[in-house]
């Protein structure tokens, strides 16, 4: 499967394309020949649990972008899978948007205005 060709039809930068392909390859654990590994949404979510929320979101964006391109060509085959990952992405976007409190790491390294 040629991911460069699939992403080639999209209007994304070369660096985004490289990031998406690298993310997808890391998720599959090997060079991508088929997209069957994406069918197990729970397994993908489990693999992403070790990452911070923004990194998880980056991986999901890679998946959604790929599936969106494929869905345009083969809606019956990729439509439901795209919808599943898109719902995950929407949930992440909402959570990250609503998250306005500092993390423990941010609190520890935060410099007050008086020390600036």
PDB file of N, CA and C in Angstrom:
ATOM      1  N   UNK A   1       0.853  -1.174   0.000  1.00  0.00           N
ATOM      2  CA  UNK A   1       0.000   0.000   0.000  1.00  0.00           C
ATOM      3  C   UNK A   1       0.897   1.236   0.000  1.00  0.00           C
ATOM      4  N   UNK A   2       0.677   2.121  -0.920  1.00  0.00           N
ATOM      5  CA  UNK A   2       1.507   3.319  -1.045  1.00  0.00           C
ATOM      6  C   UNK A   2       0.818   4.514  -0.383  1.00  0.00           C
ATOM      7  N   UNK A   3       1.231   4.791   0.853  1.00  0.00           N
ATOM      8  CA  UNK A   3       0.629   5.899   1.591  1.00  0.00           C
ATOM      9  C   UNK A   3       0.971   7.244   0.970  1.00  0.00           C
ATOM     10  N   UNK A   4       2.158   7.351   0.373  1.00  0.00           N
ATOM     11  CA  UNK A   4       2.526   8.600  -0.304  1.00  0.00           C
ATOM     12  C   UNK A   4       1.523   8.939  -1.399  1.00  0.00           C
ATOM     13  N   UNK A   5       1.097   7.917  -2.112  1.00  0.00           N
ATOM     14  CA  UNK A   5       0.123   8.119  -3.189  1.00  0.00           C
ATOM     15  C   UNK A   5      -1.236   8.533  -2.623  1.00  0.00           C
ATOM     16  N   UNK A   6      -1.636   7.880  -1.531  1.00  0.00           N
ATOM     17  CA  UNK A   6      -2.928   8.204  -0.915  1.00  0.00           C
ATOM     18  C   UNK A   6      -2.928   9.635  -0.396  1.00  0.00           C
ATOM     19  N   UNK A   7      -1.858  10.008   0.314  1.00  0.00           N
ATOM     20  CA  UNK A   7      -1.772  11.367   0.847  1.00  0.00           C
ATOM     21  C   UNK A   7      -1.438  12.386  -0.234  1.00  0.00           C
ATOM     22  N   UNK A   8      -0.933  11.921  -1.366  1.00  0.00           N
ATOM     23  CA  UNK A   8      -0.550  12.822  -2.451  1.00  0.00           C
ATOM     24  C   UNK A   8      -1.704  13.638  -3.001  1.00  0.00           C
ATOM     25  N   UNK A   9      -2.891  13.086  -2.962  1.00  0.00           N
ATOM     26  CA  UNK A   9      -4.061  13.793  -3.469  1.00  0.00           C
ATOM     27  C   UNK A   9      -4.603  14.840  -2.513  1.00  0.00           C
ATOM     28  N   UNK A  10      -4.095  14.848  -1.292  1.00  0.00           N
ATOM     29  CA  UNK A  10      -4.566  15.814  -0.296  1.00  0.00           C
ATOM     30  C   UNK A  10      -3.693  17.058  -0.329  1.00  0.00           C
ATOM     31  N   UNK A  11      -4.259  18.152   0.083  1.00  0.00           N
ATOM     32  CA  UNK A  11      -3.480  19.394   0.129  1.00  0.00           C
ATOM     33  C   UNK A  11      -2.860  19.555   1.520  1.00  0.00           C
ATOM     34  N   UNK A  12      -1.857  18.715   1.807  1.00  0.00           N
ATOM     35  CA  UNK A  12      -1.121  18.810   3.065  1.00  0.00           C
ATOM     36  C   UNK A  12       0.352  19.004   2.745  1.00  0.00           C
ATOM     37  N   UNK A  13       1.066  19.542   3.704  1.00  0.00           N
ATOM     38  CA  UNK A  13       2.490  19.788   3.488  1.00  0.00           C
ATOM     39  C   UNK A  13       3.258  18.474   3.492  1.00  0.00           C
ATOM     40  N   UNK A  14       4.442  18.533   2.952  1.00  0.00           N
ATOM     41  CA  UNK A  14       5.299  17.348   2.907  1.00  0.00           C
ATOM     42  C   UNK A  14       5.644  16.880   4.323  1.00  0.00           C
ATOM     43  N   UNK A  15       5.877  17.823   5.236  1.00  0.00           N
ATOM     44  CA  UNK A  15       6.221  17.442   6.612  1.00  0.00           C
ATOM     45  C   UNK A  15       5.035  16.759   7.303  1.00  0.00           C
ATOM     46  N   UNK A  16       3.824  17.222   7.044  1.00  0.00           N
ATOM     47  CA  UNK A  16       2.634  16.567   7.614  1.00  0.00           C
ATOM     48  C   UNK A  16       2.488  15.160   7.051  1.00  0.00           C
ATOM     49  N   UNK A  17       2.710  15.027   5.764  1.00  0.00           N
ATOM     50  CA  UNK A  17       2.623  13.714   5.126  1.00  0.00           C
ATOM     51  C   UNK A  17       3.628  12.745   5.757  1.00  0.00           C
ATOM     52  N   UNK A  18       4.858  13.214   5.959  1.00  0.00           N
ATOM     53  CA  UNK A  18       5.880  12.360   6.579  1.00  0.00           C
ATOM     54  C   UNK A  18       5.483  11.981   8.006  1.00  0.00           C
ATOM     55  N   UNK A  19       4.950  12.954   8.760  1.00  0.00           N
ATOM     56  CA  UNK A  19       4.515  12.689  10.132  1.00  0.00           C
ATOM     57  C   UNK A  19       3.392  11.658  10.152  1.00  0.00           C
ATOM     58  N   UNK A  20       2.402  11.821   9.301  1.00  0.00           N
ATOM     59  CA  UNK A  20       1.275  10.889   9.250  1.00  0.00           C
ATOM     60  C   UNK A  20       1.755   9.474   8.925  1.00  0.00           C
ATOM     61  N   UNK A  21       2.624   9.357   7.944  1.00  0.00           N
ATOM     62  CA  UNK A  21       3.125   8.038   7.544  1.00  0.00           C
ATOM     63  C   UNK A  21       3.942   7.417   8.669  1.00  0.00           C
ATOM     64  N   UNK A  22       4.781   8.218   9.327  1.00  0.00           N
ATOM     65  CA  UNK A  22       5.581   7.710  10.446  1.00  0.00           C
ATOM     66  C   UNK A  22       4.671   7.250  11.590  1.00  0.00           C
ATOM     67  N   UNK A  23       3.659   8.039  11.911  1.00  0.00           N
ATOM     68  CA  UNK A  23       2.722   7.665  12.978  1.00  0.00           C
ATOM     69  C   UNK A  23       2.004   6.361  12.651  1.00  0.00           C
ATOM     70  N   UNK A  24       1.527   6.244  11.437  1.00  0.00           N
ATOM     71  CA  UNK A  24       0.809   5.034  11.031  1.00  0.00           C
ATOM     72  C   UNK A  24       1.727   3.814  11.041  1.00  0.00           C
ATOM     73  N   UNK A  25       2.966   3.993  10.619  1.00  0.00           N
ATOM     74  CA  UNK A  25       3.925   2.890  10.617  1.00  0.00           C
ATOM     75  C   UNK A  25       4.233   2.447  12.042  1.00  0.00           C
ATOM     76  N   UNK A  26       4.401   3.412  12.959  1.00  0.00           N
ATOM     77  CA  UNK A  26       4.645   3.059  14.365  1.00  0.00           C
ATOM     78  C   UNK A  26       3.451   2.305  14.953  1.00  0.00           C
ATOM     79  N   UNK A  27       2.256   2.729  14.616  1.00  0.00           N
ATOM     80  CA  UNK A  27       1.066   2.047  15.133  1.00  0.00           C
ATOM     81  C   UNK A  27       0.949   0.621  14.611  1.00  0.00           C
ATOM     82  N   UNK A  28       1.309   0.420  13.356  1.00  0.00           N
ATOM     83  CA  UNK A  28       1.191  -0.923  12.779  1.00  0.00           C
ATOM     84  C   UNK A  28       2.324  -1.824  13.252  1.00  0.00           C
ATOM     85  N   UNK A  29       3.451  -1.229  13.637  1.00  0.00           N
ATOM     86  CA  UNK A  29       4.582  -2.014  14.117  1.00  0.00           C
ATOM     87  C   UNK A  29       5.446  -2.580  13.006  1.00  0.00           C
ATOM     88  N   UNK A  30       5.098  -2.303  11.782  1.00  0.00           N
ATOM     89  CA  UNK A  30       5.852  -2.801  10.622  1.00  0.00           C
ATOM     90  C   UNK A  30       5.469  -1.964   9.408  1.00  0.00           C
ATOM     91  N   UNK A  31       6.236  -2.094   8.321  1.00  0.00           N
ATOM     92  CA  UNK A  31       5.848  -1.363   7.109  1.00  0.00           C
ATOM     93  C   UNK A  31       4.414  -1.724   6.714  1.00  0.00           C
ATOM     94  N   UNK A  32       3.663  -0.725   6.309  1.00  0.00           N
ATOM     95  CA  UNK A  32       2.230  -0.912   6.067  1.00  0.00           C
ATOM     96  C   UNK A  32       1.979  -1.519   4.690  1.00  0.00           C
ATOM     97  N   UNK A  33       1.388  -2.709   4.729  1.00  0.00           N
ATOM     98  CA  UNK A  33       0.991  -3.380   3.495  1.00  0.00           C
ATOM     99  C   UNK A  33      -0.527  -3.403   3.386  1.00  0.00           C
ATOM    100  N   UNK A  34      -1.179  -3.370   4.544  1.00  0.00           N
ATOM    101  CA  UNK A  34      -2.638  -3.394   4.605  1.00  0.00           C
ATOM    102  C   UNK A  34      -3.086  -2.535   5.784  1.00  0.00           C
ATOM    103  N   UNK A  35      -4.328  -2.127   5.785  1.00  0.00           N
ATOM    104  CA  UNK A  35      -4.839  -1.277   6.867  1.00  0.00           C
ATOM    105  C   UNK A  35      -5.681  -2.059   7.870  1.00  0.00           C
ATOM    106  N   UNK A  36      -5.551  -3.377   7.876  1.00  0.00           N
ATOM    107  CA  UNK A  36      -6.333  -4.208   8.793  1.00  0.00           C
ATOM    108  C   UNK A  36      -6.098  -3.831  10.246  1.00  0.00           C
ATOM    109  N   UNK A  37      -4.884  -3.397  10.576  1.00  0.00           N
ATOM    110  CA  UNK A  37      -4.569  -3.060  11.966  1.00  0.00           C
ATOM    111  C   UNK A  37      -5.449  -1.927  12.483  1.00  0.00           C
ATOM    112  N   UNK A  38      -5.958  -1.082  11.598  1.00  0.00           N
ATOM    113  CA  UNK A  38      -6.826   0.027  12.013  1.00  0.00           C
ATOM    114  C   UNK A  38      -8.242  -0.438  12.343  1.00  0.00           C
ATOM    115  N   UNK A  39      -8.611  -1.631  11.911  1.00  0.00           N
ATOM    116  CA  UNK A  39      -9.958  -2.145  12.163  1.00  0.00           C
ATOM    117  C   UNK A  39     -10.214  -2.396  13.643  1.00  0.00           C
ATOM    118  N   UNK A  40      -9.147  -2.680  14.391  1.00  0.00           N
ATOM    119  CA  UNK A  40      -9.272  -2.928  15.830  1.00  0.00           C
ATOM    120  C   UNK A  40      -9.056  -1.611  16.579  1.00  0.00           C
ATOM    121  N   UNK A  41     -10.116  -0.831  16.682  1.00  0.00           N
ATOM    122  CA  UNK A  41     -10.044   0.506  17.278  1.00  0.00           C
ATOM    123  C   UNK A  41      -9.570   0.428  18.725  1.00  0.00           C
ATOM    124  N   UNK A  42     -10.048  -0.569  19.476  1.00  0.00           N
ATOM    125  CA  UNK A  42      -9.652  -0.698  20.881  1.00  0.00           C
ATOM    126  C   UNK A  42      -8.157  -0.956  21.019  1.00  0.00           C
ATOM    127  N   UNK A  43      -7.608  -1.759  20.131  1.00  0.00           N
ATOM    128  CA  UNK A  43      -6.173  -2.036  20.153  1.00  0.00           C
ATOM    129  C   UNK A  43      -5.366  -0.767  19.873  1.00  0.00           C
ATOM    130  N   UNK A  44      -5.825   0.031  18.938  1.00  0.00           N
ATOM    131  CA  UNK A  44      -5.151   1.296  18.620  1.00  0.00           C
ATOM    132  C   UNK A  44      -5.209   2.222  19.830  1.00  0.00           C
ATOM    133  N   UNK A  45      -6.383   2.324  20.462  1.00  0.00           N
ATOM    134  CA  UNK A  45      -6.521   3.178  21.643  1.00  0.00           C
ATOM    135  C   UNK A  45      -5.594   2.708  22.763  1.00  0.00           C
ATOM    136  N   UNK A  46      -5.465   1.397  22.901  1.00  0.00           N
ATOM    137  CA  UNK A  46      -4.581   0.826  23.917  1.00  0.00           C
ATOM    138  C   UNK A  46      -3.119   1.191  23.633  1.00  0.00           C
ATOM    139  N   UNK A  47      -2.718   1.129  22.382  1.00  0.00           N
ATOM    140  CA  UNK A  47      -1.349   1.500  22.010  1.00  0.00           C
ATOM    141  C   UNK A  47      -1.073   2.970  22.292  1.00  0.00           C
ATOM    142  N   UNK A  48      -2.097   3.802  22.174  1.00  0.00           N
ATOM    143  CA  UNK A  48      -1.929   5.243  22.359  1.00  0.00           C
ATOM    144  C   UNK A  48      -1.975   5.671  23.825  1.00  0.00           C
ATOM    145  N   UNK A  49      -2.442   4.793  24.702  1.00  0.00           N
ATOM    146  CA  UNK A  49      -2.588   5.147  26.117  1.00  0.00           C
ATOM    147  C   UNK A  49      -1.287   5.605  26.766  1.00  0.00           C
ATOM    148  N   UNK A  50      -0.156   5.128  26.280  1.00  0.00           N
ATOM    149  CA  UNK A  50       1.127   5.477  26.898  1.00  0.00           C
ATOM    150  C   UNK A  50       1.585   6.898  26.560  1.00  0.00           C
ATOM    151  N   UNK A  51       0.926   7.538  25.614  1.00  0.00           N
ATOM    152  CA  UNK A  51       1.315   8.877  25.180  1.00  0.00           C
ATOM    153  C   UNK A  51       0.488   9.958  25.866  1.00  0.00           C
ATOM    154  N   UNK A  52       1.020  11.168  25.849  1.00  0.00           N
ATOM    155  CA  UNK A  52       0.294  12.321  26.376  1.00  0.00           C
ATOM    156  C   UNK A  52      -0.852  12.657  25.419  1.00  0.00           C
ATOM    157  N   UNK A  53      -1.876  13.373  25.924  1.00  0.00           N
ATOM    158  CA  UNK A  53      -3.063  13.650  25.101  1.00  0.00           C
ATOM    159  C   UNK A  53      -2.783  14.301  23.746  1.00  0.00           C
ATOM    160  N   UNK A  54      -1.879  15.262  23.681  1.00  0.00           N
ATOM    161  CA  UNK A  54      -1.609  15.904  22.388  1.00  0.00           C
ATOM    162  C   UNK A  54      -0.971  14.940  21.396  1.00  0.00           C
ATOM    163  N   UNK A  55      -0.130  14.046  21.901  1.00  0.00           N
ATOM    164  CA  UNK A  55       0.498  13.047  21.030  1.00  0.00           C
ATOM    165  C   UNK A  55      -0.551  12.045  20.552  1.00  0.00           C
ATOM    166  N   UNK A  56      -1.429  11.626  21.456  1.00  0.00           N
ATOM    167  CA  UNK A  56      -2.519  10.726  21.067  1.00  0.00           C
ATOM    168  C   UNK A  56      -3.340  11.365  19.955  1.00  0.00           C
ATOM    169  N   UNK A  57      -3.635  12.637  20.124  1.00  0.00           N
ATOM    170  CA  UNK A  57      -4.429  13.372  19.133  1.00  0.00           C
ATOM    171  C   UNK A  57      -3.713  13.408  17.781  1.00  0.00           C
ATOM    172  N   UNK A  58      -2.407  13.591  17.808  1.00  0.00           N
ATOM    173  CA  UNK A  58      -1.625  13.614  16.572  1.00  0.00           C
ATOM    174  C   UNK A  58      -1.744  12.281  15.820  1.00  0.00           C
ATOM    175  N   UNK A  59      -1.683  11.179  16.560  1.00  0.00           N
ATOM    176  CA  UNK A  59      -1.834   9.859  15.942  1.00  0.00           C
ATOM    177  C   UNK A  59      -3.236   9.693  15.351  1.00  0.00           C
ATOM    178  N   UNK A  60      -4.245  10.112  16.100  1.00  0.00           N
ATOM    179  CA  UNK A  60      -5.622   9.979  15.617  1.00  0.00           C
ATOM    180  C   UNK A  60      -5.838  10.846  14.377  1.00  0.00           C
ATOM    181  N   UNK A  61      -5.247  12.031  14.360  1.00  0.00           N
ATOM    182  CA  UNK A  61      -5.346  12.891  13.172  1.00  0.00           C
ATOM    183  C   UNK A  61      -4.738  12.186  11.960  1.00  0.00           C
ATOM    184  N   UNK A  62      -3.624  11.492  12.164  1.00  0.00           N
ATOM    185  CA  UNK A  62      -2.996  10.743  11.069  1.00  0.00           C
ATOM    186  C   UNK A  62      -3.955   9.695  10.515  1.00  0.00           C
ATOM    187  N   UNK A  63      -4.610   8.979  11.422  1.00  0.00           N
ATOM    188  CA  UNK A  63      -5.552   7.933  11.011  1.00  0.00           C
ATOM    189  C   UNK A  63      -6.756   8.542  10.289  1.00  0.00           C
ATOM    190  N   UNK A  64      -7.325   9.595  10.882  1.00  0.00           N
ATOM    191  CA  UNK A  64      -8.513  10.232  10.301  1.00  0.00           C
ATOM    192  C   UNK A  64      -8.204  10.792   8.911  1.00  0.00           C
ATOM    193  N   UNK A  65      -7.042  11.392   8.778  1.00  0.00           N
ATOM    194  CA  UNK A  65      -6.659  11.960   7.487  1.00  0.00           C
ATOM    195  C   UNK A  65      -6.548  10.871   6.417  1.00  0.00           C
ATOM    196  N   UNK A  66      -5.924   9.759   6.775  1.00  0.00           N
ATOM    197  CA  UNK A  66      -5.802   8.639   5.841  1.00  0.00           C
ATOM    198  C   UNK A  66      -7.182   8.089   5.472  1.00  0.00           C
ATOM    199  N   UNK A  67      -7.989   7.829   6.489  1.00  0.00           N
ATOM    200  CA  UNK A  67      -9.306   7.244   6.235  1.00  0.00           C
ATOM    201  C   UNK A  67     -10.221   8.188   5.469  1.00  0.00           C
ATOM    202  N   UNK A  68     -10.062   9.480   5.679  1.00  0.00           N
ATOM    203  CA  UNK A  68     -10.877  10.444   4.929  1.00  0.00           C
ATOM    204  C   UNK A  68     -10.552  10.357   3.436  1.00  0.00           C
ATOM    205  N   UNK A  69      -9.266  10.266   3.123  1.00  0.00           N
ATOM    206  CA  UNK A  69      -8.864  10.130   1.717  1.00  0.00           C
ATOM    207  C   UNK A  69      -9.421   8.847   1.113  1.00  0.00           C
ATOM    208  N   UNK A  70      -9.339   7.761   1.870  1.00  0.00           N
ATOM    209  CA  UNK A  70      -9.826   6.474   1.371  1.00  0.00           C
ATOM    210  C   UNK A  70     -11.346   6.441   1.286  1.00  0.00           C
ATOM    211  N   UNK A  71     -12.003   7.094   2.242  1.00  0.00           N
ATOM    212  CA  UNK A  71     -13.473   7.134   2.269  1.00  0.00           C
ATOM    213  C   UNK A  71     -14.029   7.837   1.039  1.00  0.00           C
ATOM    214  N   UNK A  72     -13.317   8.850   0.571  1.00  0.00           N
ATOM    215  CA  UNK A  72     -13.771   9.576  -0.618  1.00  0.00           C
ATOM    216  C   UNK A  72     -13.796   8.673  -1.849  1.00  0.00           C
ATOM    217  N   UNK A  73     -12.883   7.700  -1.884  1.00  0.00           N
ATOM    218  CA  UNK A  73     -12.805   6.792  -3.027  1.00  0.00           C
ATOM    219  C   UNK A  73     -13.656   5.540  -2.828  1.00  0.00           C
ATOM    220  N   UNK A  74     -13.720   5.060  -1.578  1.00  0.00           N
ATOM    221  CA  UNK A  74     -14.447   3.826  -1.274  1.00  0.00           C
ATOM    222  C   UNK A  74     -15.289   4.016  -0.003  1.00  0.00           C
ATOM    223  N   UNK A  75     -16.391   4.759  -0.092  1.00  0.00           N
ATOM    224  CA  UNK A  75     -17.172   5.082   1.105  1.00  0.00           C
ATOM    225  C   UNK A  75     -17.727   3.870   1.857  1.00  0.00           C
ATOM    226  N   UNK A  76     -18.135   2.848   1.134  1.00  0.00           N
ATOM    227  CA  UNK A  76     -18.702   1.677   1.810  1.00  0.00           C
ATOM    228  C   UNK A  76     -17.647   0.937   2.621  1.00  0.00           C
ATOM    229  N   UNK A  77     -16.447   0.890   2.115  1.00  0.00           N
ATOM    230  CA  UNK A  77     -15.389   0.133   2.777  1.00  0.00           C
ATOM    231  C   UNK A  77     -14.813   0.882   3.981  1.00  0.00           C
ATOM    232  N   UNK A  78     -14.664   2.181   3.879  1.00  0.00           N
ATOM    233  CA  UNK A  78     -13.966   2.933   4.926  1.00  0.00           C
ATOM    234  C   UNK A  78     -14.844   3.912   5.708  1.00  0.00           C
ATOM    235  N   UNK A  79     -16.098   4.062   5.336  1.00  0.00           N
ATOM    236  CA  UNK A  79     -16.974   5.044   5.973  1.00  0.00           C
ATOM    237  C   UNK A  79     -17.165   4.842   7.466  1.00  0.00           C
ATOM    238  N   UNK A  80     -17.514   3.621   7.877  1.00  0.00           N
ATOM    239  CA  UNK A  80     -17.767   3.350   9.296  1.00  0.00           C
ATOM    240  C   UNK A  80     -16.498   3.496  10.124  1.00  0.00           C
ATOM    241  N   UNK A  81     -15.386   3.006   9.594  1.00  0.00           N
ATOM    242  CA  UNK A  81     -14.121   3.107  10.320  1.00  0.00           C
ATOM    243  C   UNK A  81     -13.713   4.567  10.480  1.00  0.00           C
ATOM    244  N   UNK A  82     -13.884   5.341   9.421  1.00  0.00           N
ATOM    245  CA  UNK A  82     -13.612   6.778   9.490  1.00  0.00           C
ATOM    246  C   UNK A  82     -14.473   7.424  10.571  1.00  0.00           C
ATOM    247  N   UNK A  83     -15.761   7.110  10.587  1.00  0.00           N
ATOM    248  CA  UNK A  83     -16.673   7.690  11.577  1.00  0.00           C
ATOM    249  C   UNK A  83     -16.243   7.349  13.002  1.00  0.00           C
ATOM    250  N   UNK A  84     -15.784   6.117  13.216  1.00  0.00           N
ATOM    251  CA  UNK A  84     -15.330   5.701  14.550  1.00  0.00           C
ATOM    252  C   UNK A  84     -14.158   6.549  15.022  1.00  0.00           C
ATOM    253  N   UNK A  85     -13.159   6.684  14.169  1.00  0.00           N
ATOM    254  CA  UNK A  85     -11.974   7.462  14.554  1.00  0.00           C
ATOM    255  C   UNK A  85     -12.283   8.958  14.621  1.00  0.00           C
ATOM    256  N   UNK A  86     -13.180   9.426  13.775  1.00  0.00           N
ATOM    257  CA  UNK A  86     -13.533  10.844  13.799  1.00  0.00           C
ATOM    258  C   UNK A  86     -14.229  11.200  15.113  1.00  0.00           C
ATOM    259  N   UNK A  87     -15.061  10.300  15.628  1.00  0.00           N
ATOM    260  CA  UNK A  87     -15.704  10.529  16.924  1.00  0.00           C
ATOM    261  C   UNK A  87     -14.663  10.604  18.035  1.00  0.00           C
ATOM    262  N   UNK A  88     -13.659   9.750  17.967  1.00  0.00           N
ATOM    263  CA  UNK A  88     -12.577   9.785  18.956  1.00  0.00           C
ATOM    264  C   UNK A  88     -11.871  11.132  18.881  1.00  0.00           C
ATOM    265  N   UNK A  89     -11.572  11.580  17.666  1.00  0.00           N
ATOM    266  CA  UNK A  89     -10.893  12.863  17.476  1.00  0.00           C
ATOM    267  C   UNK A  89     -11.732  14.016  18.017  1.00  0.00           C
ATOM    268  N   UNK A  90     -13.022  14.009  17.739  1.00  0.00           N
ATOM    269  CA  UNK A  90     -13.893  15.074  18.253  1.00  0.00           C
ATOM    270  C   UNK A  90     -13.898  15.096  19.775  1.00  0.00           C
ATOM    271  N   UNK A  91     -13.931  13.917  20.389  1.00  0.00           N
ATOM    272  CA  UNK A  91     -13.884  13.830  21.849  1.00  0.00           C
ATOM    273  C   UNK A  91     -12.583  14.380  22.401  1.00  0.00           C
ATOM    274  N   UNK A  92     -11.476  14.043  21.744  1.00  0.00           N
ATOM    275  CA  UNK A  92     -10.170  14.558  22.178  1.00  0.00           C
ATOM    276  C   UNK A  92     -10.107  16.071  22.031  1.00  0.00           C
ATOM    277  N   UNK A  93     -10.601  16.578  20.919  1.00  0.00           N
ATOM    278  CA  UNK A  93     -10.588  18.027  20.695  1.00  0.00           C
ATOM    279  C   UNK A  93     -11.376  18.748  21.781  1.00  0.00           C
ATOM    280  N   UNK A  94     -12.527  18.197  22.134  1.00  0.00           N
ATOM    281  CA  UNK A  94     -13.357  18.819  23.166  1.00  0.00           C
ATOM    282  C   UNK A  94     -12.650  18.767  24.521  1.00  0.00           C
ATOM    283  N   UNK A  95     -12.076  17.621  24.847  1.00  0.00           N
ATOM    284  CA  UNK A  95     -11.386  17.464  26.127  1.00  0.00           C
ATOM    285  C   UNK A  95     -10.203  18.412  26.227  1.00  0.00           C
ATOM    286  N   UNK A  96      -9.399  18.475  25.182  1.00  0.00           N
ATOM    287  CA  UNK A  96      -8.217  19.339  25.214  1.00  0.00           C
ATOM    288  C   UNK A  96      -8.608  20.810  25.235  1.00  0.00           C
ATOM    289  N   UNK A  97      -9.703  21.156  24.583  1.00  0.00           N
ATOM    290  CA  UNK A  97     -10.167  22.541  24.571  1.00  0.00           C
ATOM    291  C   UNK A  97     -10.665  22.953  25.955  1.00  0.00           C
ATOM    292  N   UNK A  98     -11.364  22.039  26.625  1.00  0.00           N
ATOM    293  CA  UNK A  98     -11.929  22.322  27.939  1.00  0.00           C
ATOM    294  C   UNK A  98     -10.888  22.269  29.054  1.00  0.00           C
ATOM    295  N   UNK A  99      -9.735  21.721  28.763  1.00  0.00           N
ATOM    296  CA  UNK A  99      -8.700  21.524  29.776  1.00  0.00           C
ATOM    297  C   UNK A  99      -7.919  22.823  29.962  1.00  0.00           C
ATOM    298  N   UNK A 100      -8.279  23.571  30.985  1.00  0.00           N
ATOM    299  CA  UNK A 100      -7.621  24.856  31.203  1.00  0.00           C
ATOM    300  C   UNK A 100      -6.761  24.864  32.455  1.00  0.00           C
ATOM    301  N   UNK A 101      -6.756  23.785  33.220  1.00  0.00           N
ATOM    302  CA  UNK A 101      -5.936  23.754  34.428  1.00  0.00           C
ATOM    303  C   UNK A 101      -4.524  23.290  34.093  1.00  0.00           C
ATOM    304  N   UNK A 102      -3.575  23.670  34.943  1.00  0.00           N
ATOM    305  CA  UNK A 102      -2.177  23.301  34.739  1.00  0.00           C
ATOM    306  C   UNK A 102      -1.951  21.864  35.194  1.00  0.00           C
ATOM    307  N   UNK A 103      -1.057  21.181  34.505  1.00  0.00           N
ATOM    308  CA  UNK A 103      -0.657  19.849  34.932  1.00  0.00           C
ATOM    309  C   UNK A 103       0.320  19.998  36.090  1.00  0.00           C
ATOM    310  N   UNK A 104       0.628  18.894  36.771  1.00  0.00           N
ATOM    311  CA  UNK A 104       1.579  18.941  37.885  1.00  0.00           C
ATOM    312  C   UNK A 104       2.944  19.435  37.423  1.00  0.00           C
ATOM    313  N   UNK A 105       3.361  19.019  36.237  1.00  0.00           N
ATOM    314  CA  UNK A 105       4.655  19.449  35.690  1.00  0.00           C
ATOM    315  C   UNK A 105       4.637  20.945  35.419  1.00  0.00           C
ATOM    316  N   UNK A 106       3.538  21.435  34.853  1.00  0.00           N
ATOM    317  CA  UNK A 106       3.423  22.874  34.590  1.00  0.00           C
ATOM    318  C   UNK A 106       3.419  23.669  35.890  1.00  0.00           C
ATOM    319  N   UNK A 107       2.721  23.167  36.904  1.00  0.00           N
ATOM    320  CA  UNK A 107       2.686  23.856  38.199  1.00  0.00           C
ATOM    321  C   UNK A 107       4.075  23.944  38.811  1.00  0.00           C
ATOM    322  N   UNK A 108       4.841  22.853  38.719  1.00  0.00           N
ATOM    323  CA  UNK A 108       6.177  22.814  39.315  1.00  0.00           C
ATOM    324  C   UNK A 108       7.141  23.767  38.620  1.00  0.00           C
ATOM    325  N   UNK A 109       7.007  23.933  37.327  1.00  0.00           N
ATOM    326  CA  UNK A 109       7.958  24.765  36.588  1.00  0.00           C
ATOM    327  C   UNK A 109       7.422  26.163  36.288  1.00  0.00           C
ATOM    328  N   UNK A 110       6.243  26.487  36.780  1.00  0.00           N
ATOM    329  CA  UNK A 110       5.619  27.777  36.494  1.00  0.00           C
ATOM    330  C   UNK A 110       6.352  28.891  37.215  1.00  0.00           C
ATOM    331  N   UNK A 111       6.647  29.955  36.505  1.00  0.00           N
ATOM    332  CA  UNK A 111       7.312  31.126  37.083  1.00  0.00           C
ATOM    333  C   UNK A 111       6.268  32.217  37.236  1.00  0.00           C
ATOM    334  N   UNK A 112       6.158  32.735  38.443  1.00  0.00           N
ATOM    335  CA  UNK A 112       5.196  33.792  38.696  1.00  0.00           C
ATOM    336  C   UNK A 112       5.644  35.108  38.087  1.00  0.00           C
ATOM    337  N   UNK A 113       4.721  36.036  37.953  1.00  0.00           N
ATOM    338  CA  UNK A 113       5.009  37.343  37.362  1.00  0.00           C
ATOM    339  C   UNK A 113       6.065  38.091  38.170  1.00  0.00           C
ATOM    340  N   UNK A 114       6.077  37.883  39.495  1.00  0.00           N
ATOM    341  CA  UNK A 114       7.040  38.576  40.351  1.00  0.00           C
ATOM    342  C   UNK A 114       8.475  38.127  40.112  1.00  0.00           C
ATOM    343  N   UNK A 115       8.676  36.936  39.556  1.00  0.00           N
ATOM    344  CA  UNK A 115      10.022  36.412  39.301  1.00  0.00           C
ATOM    345  C   UNK A 115      10.509  36.676  37.883  1.00  0.00           C
ATOM    346  N   UNK A 116       9.655  37.242  37.064  1.00  0.00           N
ATOM    347  CA  UNK A 116      10.028  37.492  35.668  1.00  0.00           C
ATOM    348  C   UNK A 116      10.930  38.681  35.553  1.00  0.00           C
TER     349      UNK A 116
END
